[in-house]
Amino acid sequence: MDEIGAPAPGEELNTSGTETVPRQAASVIVLRGGDDRLELLLVKRTERARFMGGVWVFPGGAVDAGEGEGDAAHRRAGVRELREEAGLIVDDPDALVGFSRWITPAAVAIRYDTHFFLALAPDGQDCVIDGEEIVDHGWFTPADALAAHARGEILLVFPTIKHLEQLAPFASARAVLEHARGREVVPVQPRVVLSGETARILLPGEPGYDG
């Protein structure tokens, strides 16, 4: 369970009374470090963006209509977003390794059904941002990214924080990939519970989630 204060950009609660249908999306957690260490790529969205302005995220975005449906569409979208936001080219969408699937809480106004994939940083390629939609980037260990957020140096949102917490125990990029390969991906949909002016985010299995 996590308590939240003012919502981050893109996490505002829905006051319309009509639940928003989640839009299909894909995000790619790019890893480097081989057998020796684990670092991952985060990119910073421009402050001017209406959605997630100023937030550090894994490269990703919505699935385009022309990318089809199902798992293949999410993989195509992940590869495209990685190229557009980080300048990294992954030739084979099937090389992405499924890691998780998060559905934005029903109480939030802007919702996504996001499939998260893992990918090794392509050999010989450097991250290149456009300076418009994406204005900064960095390679972090999961623990360093969480610490930077706690110090107020970077802004992270709930799903990114939870992914970093999940990745933090792994000693290397290879260990993460070995863990993820062949693992069943189960959808996760957090729930927002309001108590006065305090909002709590509950994950499946936590006390009060089904209440």
Protein backbone atom coordinates (compact mmCIF):
# COMPACT_ATOMS: atom_id res chain seq x y z
CA MET A 1 0.00 0.00 0.00
CA ASP A 2 1.25 3.46 -0.92
CA GLU A 3 -0.14 6.82 0.14
CA ILE A 4 0.01 9.59 -2.44
CA GLY A 5 -0.37 13.33 -2.14
CA ALA A 6 -0.97 15.52 -5.17
CA PRO A 7 -1.08 13.25 -8.24
CA ALA A 8 1.79 13.34 -10.70
CA PRO A 9 1.02 14.57 -14.24
CA GLY A 10 -1.16 11.94 -15.90
CA GLU A 11 -2.32 10.40 -12.62
CA GLU A 12 -5.23 12.78 -11.97
CA LEU A 13 -8.41 11.10 -10.76
CA ASN A 14 -11.46 10.80 -12.98
CA THR A 15 -14.30 13.10 -11.90
CA SER A 16 -16.55 12.51 -14.92
CA GLY A 17 -18.40 9.56 -13.44
CA THR A 18 -17.68 7.46 -16.55
CA GLU A 19 -14.82 4.97 -16.43
CA THR A 20 -12.23 5.53 -19.17
CA VAL A 21 -11.44 2.55 -21.40
CA PRO A 22 -7.68 1.85 -21.20
CA ARG A 23 -5.67 2.50 -24.35
CA GLN A 24 -3.27 -0.25 -25.44
CA ALA A 25 0.40 0.66 -24.91
CA ALA A 26 3.90 -0.81 -24.75
CA SER A 27 7.00 0.12 -22.79
CA VAL A 28 10.56 -1.22 -23.05
CA ILE A 29 12.92 -1.58 -20.10
CA VAL A 30 16.36 -1.43 -21.72
CA LEU A 31 19.05 -3.25 -19.75
CA ARG A 32 22.82 -3.22 -19.87
CA GLY A 33 25.58 -4.73 -17.76
CA GLY A 34 25.72 -8.35 -18.93
CA ASP A 35 26.80 -10.73 -16.15
CA ASP A 36 28.44 -7.98 -14.09
CA ARG A 37 25.80 -5.40 -13.19
CA LEU A 38 22.32 -4.12 -13.88
CA GLU A 39 21.66 -0.68 -15.31
CA LEU A 40 18.51 0.46 -17.07
CA LEU A 41 17.51 3.38 -19.24
CA LEU A 42 15.13 6.12 -18.13
CA VAL A 43 14.14 9.05 -20.33
CA LYS A 44 12.64 12.37 -19.22
CA ARG A 45 9.51 13.66 -20.93
CA THR A 46 9.35 17.36 -21.66
CA GLU A 47 7.71 19.55 -19.02
CA ARG A 48 5.38 20.84 -21.76
CA ALA A 49 3.76 17.45 -22.32
CA ARG A 50 0.10 17.26 -21.30
CA PHE A 51 0.59 13.67 -20.15
CA MET A 52 3.43 12.80 -17.76
CA GLY A 53 5.18 16.14 -18.27
CA GLY A 54 8.62 16.18 -16.62
CA VAL A 55 8.40 12.53 -15.57
CA TRP A 56 11.23 10.02 -16.03
CA VAL A 57 9.91 6.85 -17.68
CA PHE A 58 10.91 3.75 -19.58
CA PRO A 59 10.64 4.43 -23.32
CA GLY A 60 7.13 3.63 -24.50
CA GLY A 61 3.76 4.82 -25.72
CA ALA A 62 0.42 3.89 -27.21
CA VAL A 63 -0.06 1.20 -29.85
CA ASP A 64 -0.86 2.71 -33.25
CA ALA A 65 -3.86 1.46 -35.22
CA GLY A 66 -1.65 0.17 -38.03
CA GLU A 67 0.39 -2.03 -35.69
CA GLY A 68 -2.35 -4.63 -35.43
CA GLU A 69 -3.63 -6.37 -32.34
CA GLY A 70 -2.45 -8.66 -29.58
CA ASP A 71 1.10 -9.41 -28.50
CA ALA A 72 2.61 -8.71 -31.93
CA ALA A 73 1.13 -5.20 -31.95
CA HIS A 74 2.57 -4.44 -28.52
CA ARG A 75 5.99 -5.66 -29.63
CA ARG A 76 5.88 -3.52 -32.78
CA ALA A 77 4.86 -0.51 -30.71
CA GLY A 78 7.65 -1.13 -28.21
CA VAL A 79 10.28 -1.31 -30.95
CA ARG A 80 8.92 1.85 -32.60
CA GLU A 81 8.76 3.84 -29.36
CA LEU A 82 12.28 2.76 -28.45
CA ARG A 83 13.52 4.10 -31.77
CA GLU A 84 11.52 7.34 -31.53
CA GLU A 85 12.28 8.17 -27.90
CA ALA A 86 15.78 6.78 -27.43
CA GLY A 87 17.21 6.32 -30.94
CA LEU A 88 17.83 2.62 -30.22
CA ILE A 89 17.16 0.13 -33.03
CA VAL A 90 15.92 -3.37 -32.23
CA ASP A 91 15.45 -5.19 -35.54
CA ASP A 92 13.37 -8.10 -34.28
CA PRO A 93 10.29 -7.37 -32.14
CA ASP A 94 10.32 -11.02 -31.09
CA ALA A 95 13.61 -10.35 -29.31
CA LEU A 96 11.72 -8.40 -26.65
CA VAL A 97 11.09 -10.41 -23.49
CA GLY A 98 7.69 -9.99 -21.84
CA PHE A 99 8.01 -8.84 -18.24
CA SER A 100 4.76 -7.40 -16.92
CA ARG A 101 1.40 -5.88 -17.79
CA TRP A 102 -0.06 -2.96 -15.85
CA ILE A 103 -3.55 -1.51 -16.24
CA THR A 104 -4.11 2.01 -14.91
CA PRO A 105 -6.56 2.09 -11.96
CA ALA A 106 -10.20 2.60 -12.93
CA ALA A 107 -10.33 5.76 -10.81
CA VAL A 108 -7.69 7.56 -12.94
CA ALA A 109 -8.77 9.79 -15.82
CA ILE A 110 -6.16 8.78 -18.43
CA ARG A 111 -5.76 5.01 -18.57
CA TYR A 112 -3.43 2.60 -20.36
CA ASP A 113 -3.14 -1.15 -20.59
CA THR A 114 0.64 -1.28 -20.85
CA HIS A 115 2.72 -4.33 -21.75
CA PHE A 116 6.27 -3.98 -20.40
CA PHE A 117 9.11 -5.72 -22.21
CA LEU A 118 12.80 -6.24 -21.49
CA ALA A 119 15.51 -5.66 -24.09
CA LEU A 120 19.28 -5.65 -23.95
CA ALA A 121 20.87 -2.40 -25.06
CA PRO A 122 21.86 -2.97 -28.72
CA ASP A 123 25.61 -3.37 -29.21
CA GLY A 124 27.38 -0.30 -30.55
CA GLN A 125 24.36 2.00 -30.21
CA ASP A 126 24.08 5.07 -28.00
CA CYS A 127 20.86 6.56 -26.71
CA VAL A 128 19.93 9.61 -28.81
CA ILE A 129 17.01 11.79 -27.72
CA ASP A 130 15.17 14.34 -29.85
CA GLY A 131 15.33 17.21 -27.32
CA GLU A 132 11.65 17.92 -27.96
CA GLU A 133 9.42 15.15 -26.63
CA ILE A 134 12.32 13.63 -24.67
CA VAL A 135 14.68 16.15 -23.07
CA ASP A 136 17.06 14.02 -20.99
CA HIS A 137 18.08 10.45 -20.33
CA GLY A 138 20.22 8.43 -17.96
CA TRP A 139 21.41 4.93 -17.14
CA PHE A 140 20.64 4.02 -13.53
CA THR A 141 20.81 1.04 -11.26
CA PRO A 142 17.30 0.49 -9.89
CA ALA A 143 18.45 1.53 -6.41
CA ASP A 144 20.10 4.71 -7.69
CA ALA A 145 16.95 5.72 -9.61
CA LEU A 146 14.79 5.21 -6.53
CA ALA A 147 17.24 7.19 -4.40
CA ALA A 148 17.33 10.04 -6.92
CA HIS A 149 13.54 10.16 -6.83
CA ALA A 150 13.54 10.22 -3.03
CA ARG A 151 15.95 13.18 -3.10
CA GLY A 152 13.68 15.02 -5.56
CA GLU A 153 16.26 14.90 -8.37
CA ILE A 154 14.02 12.98 -10.77
CA LEU A 155 10.24 12.51 -10.83
CA LEU A 156 8.90 8.97 -11.06
CA VAL A 157 5.33 7.68 -11.11
CA PHE A 158 3.89 4.68 -9.30
CA PRO A 159 4.28 1.96 -11.98
CA THR A 160 7.91 2.94 -12.65
CA ILE A 161 8.69 2.94 -8.93
CA LYS A 162 7.17 -0.51 -8.51
CA HIS A 163 9.09 -1.90 -11.47
CA LEU A 164 12.34 -0.48 -10.08
CA GLU A 165 11.61 -2.03 -6.69
CA GLN A 166 10.98 -5.37 -8.40
CA LEU A 167 14.24 -5.15 -10.38
CA ALA A 168 16.43 -3.93 -7.51
CA PRO A 169 17.27 -7.39 -6.06
CA PHE A 170 18.80 -8.63 -9.34
CA ALA A 171 22.59 -8.48 -9.58
CA SER A 172 22.89 -8.37 -13.37
CA ALA A 173 21.06 -7.79 -16.62
CA ARG A 174 21.43 -11.45 -17.50
CA ALA A 175 19.82 -12.49 -14.21
CA VAL A 176 16.76 -10.37 -14.97
CA LEU A 177 16.37 -11.87 -18.44
CA GLU A 178 16.78 -15.43 -17.15
CA HIS A 179 14.10 -14.74 -14.55
CA ALA A 180 11.69 -13.26 -17.09
CA ARG A 181 12.00 -15.82 -19.88
CA GLY A 182 9.21 -18.35 -19.75
CA ARG A 183 7.46 -16.61 -16.84
CA GLU A 184 3.71 -16.08 -17.13
CA VAL A 185 2.78 -12.41 -17.29
CA VAL A 186 -0.27 -11.72 -15.13
CA PRO A 187 -2.09 -8.35 -15.51
CA VAL A 188 -1.76 -6.00 -12.54
CA GLN A 189 -4.41 -3.36 -11.94
CA PRO A 190 -3.79 -1.19 -8.87
CA ARG A 191 -6.78 0.24 -7.04
CA VAL A 192 -7.12 3.77 -5.69
CA VAL A 193 -8.88 4.01 -2.31
CA LEU A 194 -9.88 7.46 -1.07
CA SER A 195 -10.01 8.27 2.64
CA GLY A 196 -10.78 11.94 3.20
CA GLU A 197 -8.09 13.89 1.33
CA THR A 198 -5.71 10.93 1.29
CA ALA A 199 -5.50 8.51 -1.61
CA ARG A 200 -4.04 5.06 -1.14
CA ILE A 201 -2.90 2.84 -3.98
CA LEU A 202 -3.43 -0.86 -3.35
CA LEU A 203 -2.00 -3.73 -5.35
CA PRO A 204 -3.73 -7.08 -5.85
CA GLY A 205 -3.31 -9.21 -2.72
CA GLU A 206 -2.91 -6.29 -0.35
CA PRO A 207 -5.44 -5.89 2.49
CA GLY A 208 -8.45 -3.87 1.36
CA TYR A 209 -7.90 -4.37 -2.37
CA ASP A 210 -11.09 -6.42 -2.79
CA GLY A 211 -13.08 -4.40 -0.25
